Amino acid sequence: MALGRDAGTGIQPFLPPVPPRTDSSILVTLSNVIHIVVGPIQAIIKIILISIVSVVYMILVQALGSLLTPIAPLKRMWTGLFSTLLLRLVLFLAGFFHIKTDTVSIRKSRGSSRVESKQVKSGDVIVANWTSYIDILYLASKFNPVFTQIYIDCDKVKVVSLWEAIRLAGKIPESTPIDQLYSVKELSLKAKECGWGPIVVFAEGATTNGRALLKFASVFNEYSADEKLDLFHVMAFKYEYGTMSPTYTVGNQFYHFFKLCSQFHNTLIVKSLAKGESPCSSQSPATQEAVGDLLIAAVGNISKLRKTNLSMVDKRDFLSYYESREAQKKNK
């Protein structure tokens, strides 16, 4: 078996996707030439503007927001407002002019009945596939959540900042944690009690190229499907592209972002599971399956992605191999 390729499906979820074939017409060739010439200039301008917005974000949200810590509701409102405005501006500057959102039902019994979305509250758990640092920027702009890190040898999670979450995309998954950890249930209850917002759990533990799903880490073992807690929100991210995919799995992150900004526009589609259809919801049928298995099945259903037998251990091995190859090239 090739390193990083799933034996059952033949899918390689870690390599950057190959651009789709296009007609070699004069107009397409001219467009490519314009992109090669104008793209880098555009990227430099965009990155300068994004850097300015990022500094404003750090001042307004992180610095001034920390002064409001004693008044939790006011801090939540302040940070939520400026996260929405400034981080959505960052996405806009990066070429995501319009982000399509869709609420999906996976129940055949619903037929043509109205599909409702579910309100996301503090302490709720957002579970989604993980394909890029753009996923994180979207979630931060939309929900101002608590981000988490998953470890290979542990069924608990660590709270990380927005910047740490962005940097985790494409990094080698870690094995042994050294910081304060929570079970997902503990963190959910604490976030609800303190008004921290929802928590985000990328249960795959590592990014993919959006072609398939990795096995979920065992971080939902404390939950039972018959608890009827109604706190899980299942989402899926998909990117449409012509030249370069916004998904990020390997390589230099800044260079990837530079190439992303050099594109004239980028497309993100976000799908959410309809109200009452996620595990532990008040309307979900009773089942004996583990909540983690139900969640990955739900993500697969709304994303139309196949589950592989690969995990973040395989991503770790793939990145270790990739980095060793890159080091050998530099030493030659």
Protein backbone atom coordinates (compact mmCIF):
# COMPACT_ATOMS: atom_id res chain seq x y z
CA MET A 1 0.00 0.00 0.00
CA ALA A 2 1.32 3.45 -0.94
CA LEU A 3 1.96 5.68 2.05
CA GLY A 4 -1.17 7.67 2.87
CA ARG A 5 -3.44 5.80 0.45
CA ASP A 6 -6.50 3.98 1.78
CA ALA A 7 -6.49 0.31 0.78
CA GLY A 8 -10.27 -0.03 0.73
CA THR A 9 -11.17 2.98 -1.42
CA GLY A 10 -7.89 3.73 -3.18
CA ILE A 11 -8.24 7.38 -2.10
CA GLN A 12 -5.16 9.41 -1.14
CA PRO A 13 -6.57 12.09 1.24
CA PHE A 14 -3.31 13.82 2.13
CA LEU A 15 -1.84 15.06 -1.16
CA PRO A 16 -3.00 18.40 -2.67
CA PRO A 17 -5.76 17.73 -5.24
CA VAL A 18 -4.83 17.83 -8.91
CA PRO A 19 -6.56 20.71 -10.78
CA PRO A 20 -9.39 19.54 -13.05
CA ARG A 21 -8.74 19.44 -16.75
CA THR A 22 -9.85 22.46 -18.79
CA ASP A 23 -10.17 23.19 -22.49
CA SER A 24 -6.99 24.56 -24.03
CA SER A 25 -8.79 27.36 -25.86
CA ILE A 26 -7.31 30.77 -26.59
CA LEU A 27 -9.48 32.40 -23.90
CA VAL A 28 -8.42 29.87 -21.27
CA THR A 29 -4.76 30.31 -22.22
CA LEU A 30 -5.09 34.11 -22.06
CA SER A 31 -6.80 33.85 -18.67
CA ASN A 32 -3.96 31.69 -17.36
CA VAL A 33 -1.37 34.17 -18.58
CA ILE A 34 -3.20 37.05 -16.89
CA HIS A 35 -3.40 35.01 -13.69
CA ILE A 36 0.34 34.28 -13.76
CA VAL A 37 1.15 37.99 -14.22
CA VAL A 38 -1.50 39.63 -12.03
CA GLY A 39 -1.95 36.93 -9.38
CA PRO A 40 1.27 37.52 -7.38
CA ILE A 41 0.75 41.30 -7.35
CA GLN A 42 -2.83 40.79 -6.19
CA ALA A 43 -1.65 38.37 -3.48
CA ILE A 44 0.88 40.86 -2.09
CA ILE A 45 -1.78 43.58 -1.86
CA LYS A 46 -4.28 41.19 -0.25
CA ILE A 47 -1.78 39.91 2.32
CA ILE A 48 -0.84 43.48 3.31
CA LEU A 49 -4.53 44.33 3.82
CA ILE A 50 -5.15 41.07 5.69
CA SER A 51 -2.16 41.81 7.94
CA ILE A 52 -3.64 45.22 8.80
CA VAL A 53 -7.04 43.68 9.56
CA SER A 54 -5.34 41.00 11.67
CA VAL A 55 -3.57 43.65 13.78
CA VAL A 56 -6.88 45.46 14.31
CA TYR A 57 -8.44 42.11 15.28
CA MET A 58 -5.71 41.45 17.87
CA ILE A 59 -6.18 44.91 19.38
CA LEU A 60 -9.97 44.97 19.48
CA VAL A 61 -10.74 41.32 20.19
CA GLN A 62 -7.76 39.93 22.07
CA ALA A 63 -6.30 42.96 23.88
CA LEU A 64 -9.41 45.04 24.62
CA GLY A 65 -11.58 41.93 24.88
CA SER A 66 -9.39 40.58 27.68
CA LEU A 67 -10.16 43.72 29.72
CA LEU A 68 -13.83 42.67 29.69
CA THR A 69 -13.12 39.23 31.19
CA PRO A 70 -14.82 40.07 34.53
CA ILE A 71 -18.03 40.83 32.60
CA ALA A 72 -18.46 37.61 30.63
CA PRO A 73 -21.67 38.49 28.68
CA LEU A 74 -20.22 41.83 27.56
CA LYS A 75 -16.93 40.21 26.56
CA ARG A 76 -18.77 37.55 24.55
CA MET A 77 -20.81 40.22 22.75
CA TRP A 78 -17.75 42.42 22.08
CA THR A 79 -15.53 39.61 20.77
CA GLY A 80 -18.37 38.06 18.79
CA LEU A 81 -19.18 41.34 17.01
CA PHE A 82 -15.63 42.14 15.93
CA SER A 83 -14.80 38.50 15.13
CA THR A 84 -17.74 38.44 12.74
CA LEU A 85 -16.82 41.73 11.07
CA LEU A 86 -13.05 41.41 10.89
CA LEU A 87 -12.63 37.71 10.18
CA ARG A 88 -15.33 37.79 7.50
CA LEU A 89 -13.37 40.69 6.00
CA VAL A 90 -10.24 38.51 6.03
CA LEU A 91 -12.13 35.80 4.14
CA PHE A 92 -13.46 38.38 1.69
CA LEU A 93 -9.96 39.70 1.02
CA ALA A 94 -8.76 36.12 0.51
CA GLY A 95 -11.28 35.77 -2.32
CA PHE A 96 -14.25 34.21 -0.51
CA PHE A 97 -16.71 36.85 -1.63
CA HIS A 98 -19.75 34.66 -1.05
CA ILE A 99 -19.91 31.61 1.19
CA LYS A 100 -22.80 29.32 0.35
CA THR A 101 -24.50 27.71 3.35
CA ASP A 102 -27.04 24.93 3.14
CA THR A 103 -29.07 23.01 5.72
CA VAL A 104 -29.38 19.35 4.73
CA SER A 105 -31.77 16.62 5.83
CA ILE A 106 -30.65 12.99 5.61
CA ARG A 107 -34.03 11.55 6.57
CA LYS A 108 -35.99 10.16 3.65
CA SER A 109 -39.17 10.39 5.74
CA ARG A 110 -39.03 14.18 5.66
CA GLY A 111 -39.78 14.25 1.97
CA SER A 112 -40.48 17.83 0.93
CA SER A 113 -41.19 19.04 4.46
CA ARG A 114 -39.44 22.19 5.62
CA VAL A 115 -35.84 21.67 6.76
CA GLU A 116 -34.90 23.78 9.76
CA SER A 117 -31.46 24.83 10.91
CA LYS A 118 -30.54 24.64 14.58
CA GLN A 119 -29.37 27.57 16.70
CA VAL A 120 -25.83 27.18 18.00
CA LYS A 121 -25.48 27.96 21.72
CA SER A 122 -22.70 28.09 24.30
CA GLY A 123 -21.63 24.58 25.23
CA ASP A 124 -22.84 23.06 21.97
CA VAL A 125 -20.38 20.88 20.06
CA ILE A 126 -19.63 21.57 16.40
CA VAL A 127 -18.34 18.46 14.62
CA ALA A 128 -17.05 18.81 11.05
CA ASN A 129 -14.57 17.45 8.54
CA TRP A 130 -11.27 19.33 8.54
CA THR A 131 -9.72 20.39 5.26
CA SER A 132 -8.04 23.78 5.72
CA TYR A 133 -7.25 26.72 7.97
CA ILE A 134 -10.05 28.45 6.05
CA ASP A 135 -12.52 26.16 7.88
CA ILE A 136 -11.26 27.66 11.13
CA LEU A 137 -11.56 31.26 9.94
CA TYR A 138 -15.13 30.60 8.82
CA LEU A 139 -16.15 29.03 12.14
CA ALA A 140 -14.45 31.84 14.08
CA SER A 141 -16.28 34.51 12.06
CA LYS A 142 -19.62 32.73 12.32
CA PHE A 143 -19.70 31.41 15.89
CA ASN A 144 -16.70 32.84 17.83
CA PRO A 145 -16.17 29.34 19.30
CA VAL A 146 -13.66 27.53 21.49
CA PHE A 147 -11.24 25.54 19.33
CA THR A 148 -9.71 22.27 20.47
CA GLN A 149 -6.72 20.06 19.68
CA ILE A 150 -6.91 16.26 19.57
CA TYR A 151 -4.03 13.92 20.43
CA ILE A 152 -3.19 10.46 19.10
CA ASP A 153 -2.74 8.73 22.47
CA CYS A 154 -5.46 10.50 24.44
CA ASP A 155 -9.25 10.68 24.37
CA LYS A 156 -9.32 14.21 25.77
CA VAL A 157 -8.88 17.61 24.11
CA LYS A 158 -6.91 20.77 24.73
CA VAL A 159 -8.29 24.29 24.33
CA VAL A 160 -6.32 26.27 21.75
CA SER A 161 -6.47 29.84 20.50
CA LEU A 162 -7.60 30.87 17.03
CA TRP A 163 -4.00 31.35 15.90
CA GLU A 164 -2.95 27.96 17.33
CA ALA A 165 -5.88 26.29 15.55
CA ILE A 166 -4.85 27.88 12.25
CA ARG A 167 -1.26 26.70 12.71
CA LEU A 168 -2.39 23.15 13.58
CA ALA A 169 -3.76 22.68 10.06
CA GLY A 170 -1.17 20.67 8.19
CA LYS A 171 1.06 20.06 11.23
CA ILE A 172 2.10 16.61 12.40
CA PRO A 173 -0.51 15.35 14.92
CA GLU A 174 0.93 15.16 18.42
CA SER A 175 0.91 12.00 20.52
CA THR A 176 1.20 13.00 24.17
CA PRO A 177 -0.33 16.16 25.63
CA ILE A 178 1.38 18.13 28.39
CA ASP A 179 -1.20 20.83 29.09
CA GLN A 180 -4.56 20.97 30.84
CA LEU A 181 -7.03 18.67 29.15
CA TYR A 182 -10.79 18.19 29.16
CA SER A 183 -13.07 15.48 27.99
CA VAL A 184 -15.44 16.86 25.34
CA LYS A 185 -18.30 16.54 27.82
CA GLU A 186 -16.39 18.43 30.55
CA LEU A 187 -15.45 21.23 28.17
CA SER A 188 -18.98 21.45 26.82
CA LEU A 189 -20.42 21.84 30.32
CA LYS A 190 -17.76 24.43 31.27
CA ALA A 191 -18.33 26.42 28.07
CA LYS A 192 -22.07 26.44 28.75
CA GLU A 193 -21.61 27.50 32.36
CA CYS A 194 -19.13 30.27 31.55
CA GLY A 195 -20.76 31.46 28.32
CA TRP A 196 -17.67 30.74 26.22
CA GLY A 197 -19.63 29.85 23.11
CA PRO A 198 -19.75 26.52 21.25
CA ILE A 199 -16.74 24.23 21.04
CA VAL A 200 -15.29 22.94 17.77
CA VAL A 201 -14.06 19.36 17.54
CA PHE A 202 -12.31 18.26 14.34
CA ALA A 203 -12.58 14.61 15.27
CA GLU A 204 -10.38 13.42 12.38
CA GLY A 205 -7.48 15.08 14.22
CA ALA A 206 -5.76 16.13 10.97
CA THR A 207 -6.59 17.88 7.71
CA THR A 208 -7.45 16.09 4.48
CA ASN A 209 -7.75 17.28 0.90
CA GLY A 210 -11.54 17.03 1.04
CA ARG A 211 -11.71 13.76 -0.90
CA ALA A 212 -12.57 11.44 2.02
CA LEU A 213 -12.97 11.20 5.79
CA LEU A 214 -10.43 9.89 8.28
CA LYS A 215 -11.51 7.73 11.21
CA PHE A 216 -12.73 9.80 14.14
CA ALA A 217 -10.68 9.85 17.33
CA SER A 218 -12.36 8.31 20.39
CA VAL A 219 -13.27 11.63 22.02
CA PHE A 220 -17.04 11.07 22.21
CA ASN A 221 -16.96 7.92 24.33
CA GLU A 222 -18.59 9.63 27.33
CA TYR A 223 -21.76 10.25 25.35
CA SER A 224 -24.62 7.86 24.76
CA ALA A 225 -27.01 8.19 21.81
CA ASP A 226 -30.04 7.92 24.10
CA GLU A 227 -29.04 10.87 26.33
CA LYS A 228 -31.09 13.35 24.22
CA LEU A 229 -28.75 16.26 24.96
CA ASP A 230 -29.37 17.94 21.59
CA LEU A 231 -25.98 19.66 21.57
CA PHE A 232 -24.19 18.31 18.49
CA HIS A 233 -24.04 20.35 15.28
CA VAL A 234 -22.80 18.41 12.27
CA MET A 235 -21.18 20.42 9.45
CA ALA A 236 -19.21 19.72 6.29
CA PHE A 237 -16.82 21.92 4.30
CA LYS A 238 -16.36 21.68 0.55
CA TYR A 239 -14.26 23.85 -1.78
CA GLU A 240 -14.86 24.29 -5.49
CA TYR A 241 -11.80 25.34 -7.47
CA GLY A 242 -10.29 25.61 -10.91
CA THR A 243 -6.54 26.03 -10.48
CA MET A 244 -5.66 25.44 -6.83
CA SER A 245 -7.72 23.91 -4.05
CA PRO A 246 -8.05 25.92 -0.79
CA THR A 247 -7.70 22.63 1.10
CA TYR A 248 -4.38 22.44 2.94
CA THR A 249 -2.74 19.22 4.06
CA VAL A 250 1.00 19.54 3.51
CA GLY A 251 3.71 22.03 2.58
CA ASN A 252 4.52 25.61 3.54
CA GLN A 253 1.41 27.24 4.97
CA PHE A 254 2.36 30.82 4.08
CA TYR A 255 3.16 29.82 0.48
CA HIS A 256 -0.21 28.05 0.26
CA PHE A 257 -1.96 31.17 1.54
CA PHE A 258 -0.02 33.32 -0.95
CA LYS A 259 -1.20 31.11 -3.82
CA LEU A 260 -4.74 31.17 -2.42
CA CYS A 261 -4.72 34.99 -2.41
CA SER A 262 -3.33 35.07 -5.95
CA GLN A 263 -6.53 33.47 -7.23
CA PHE A 264 -9.22 35.89 -8.40
CA HIS A 265 -11.88 34.23 -6.29
CA ASN A 266 -12.39 31.18 -4.06
CA THR A 267 -15.51 29.18 -3.30
CA LEU A 268 -16.55 27.61 0.00
CA ILE A 269 -19.72 25.60 0.55
CA VAL A 270 -20.80 24.84 4.13
CA LYS A 271 -23.46 22.22 4.78
CA SER A 272 -25.18 21.74 8.15
CA LEU A 273 -27.31 18.85 9.32
CA ALA A 274 -30.96 19.74 9.87
CA LYS A 275 -32.43 20.33 13.30
CA GLY A 276 -33.22 17.16 15.23
CA GLU A 277 -31.13 14.81 13.06
CA SER A 278 -27.80 14.72 14.89
CA PRO A 279 -26.99 12.08 17.54
CA CYS A 280 -28.39 12.76 21.03
CA SER A 281 -31.00 15.21 19.69
CA SER A 282 -34.52 15.07 21.02
CA GLN A 283 -35.90 13.85 17.68
CA SER A 284 -33.19 11.31 16.80
CA PRO A 285 -34.22 7.64 17.01
CA ALA A 286 -32.79 5.43 19.74
CA THR A 287 -29.73 3.43 18.68
CA GLN A 288 -27.04 1.24 20.20
CA GLU A 289 -24.24 2.62 18.01
CA ALA A 290 -21.47 4.73 19.52
CA VAL A 291 -21.99 8.48 19.21
CA GLY A 292 -18.67 8.88 17.39
CA ASP A 293 -19.76 6.36 14.74
CA LEU A 294 -23.08 8.16 14.33
CA LEU A 295 -21.35 11.51 13.98
CA ILE A 296 -18.91 10.38 11.29
CA ALA A 297 -21.80 8.76 9.43
CA ALA A 298 -23.72 12.04 9.60
CA VAL A 299 -20.72 14.03 8.33
CA GLY A 300 -20.30 11.51 5.51
CA ASN A 301 -23.97 11.74 4.56
CA ILE A 302 -24.10 15.52 4.25
CA SER A 303 -20.66 15.82 2.62
CA LYS A 304 -21.02 12.79 0.31
CA LEU A 305 -17.51 11.75 1.38
CA ARG A 306 -16.47 8.14 1.93
CA LYS A 307 -14.99 7.03 5.23
CA THR A 308 -11.50 5.52 5.02
CA ASN A 309 -9.57 3.26 7.35
CA LEU A 310 -6.90 5.94 7.70
CA SER A 311 -6.48 8.00 10.85
CA MET A 312 -4.36 10.84 12.16
CA VAL A 313 -1.64 8.23 12.82
CA ASP A 314 -1.43 7.74 9.06
CA LYS A 315 -1.32 11.51 8.58
CA ARG A 316 1.54 11.69 11.08
CA ASP A 317 3.47 9.00 9.19
CA PHE A 318 2.77 10.68 5.86
CA LEU A 319 3.96 14.11 7.07
CA SER A 320 7.05 12.61 8.69
CA TYR A 321 7.94 10.93 5.40
CA TYR A 322 7.21 14.11 3.43
CA GLU A 323 9.36 16.27 5.69
CA SER A 324 12.25 13.79 5.56
CA ARG A 325 12.08 13.83 1.75
CA GLU A 326 12.08 17.64 1.72
CA ALA A 327 15.09 17.70 4.06
CA GLN A 328 16.97 15.29 1.77
CA LYS A 329 16.27 17.55 -1.22
CA LYS A 330 17.66 20.59 0.61
CA ASN A 331 20.81 18.73 1.59
CA LYS A 332 21.61 17.69 -1.97
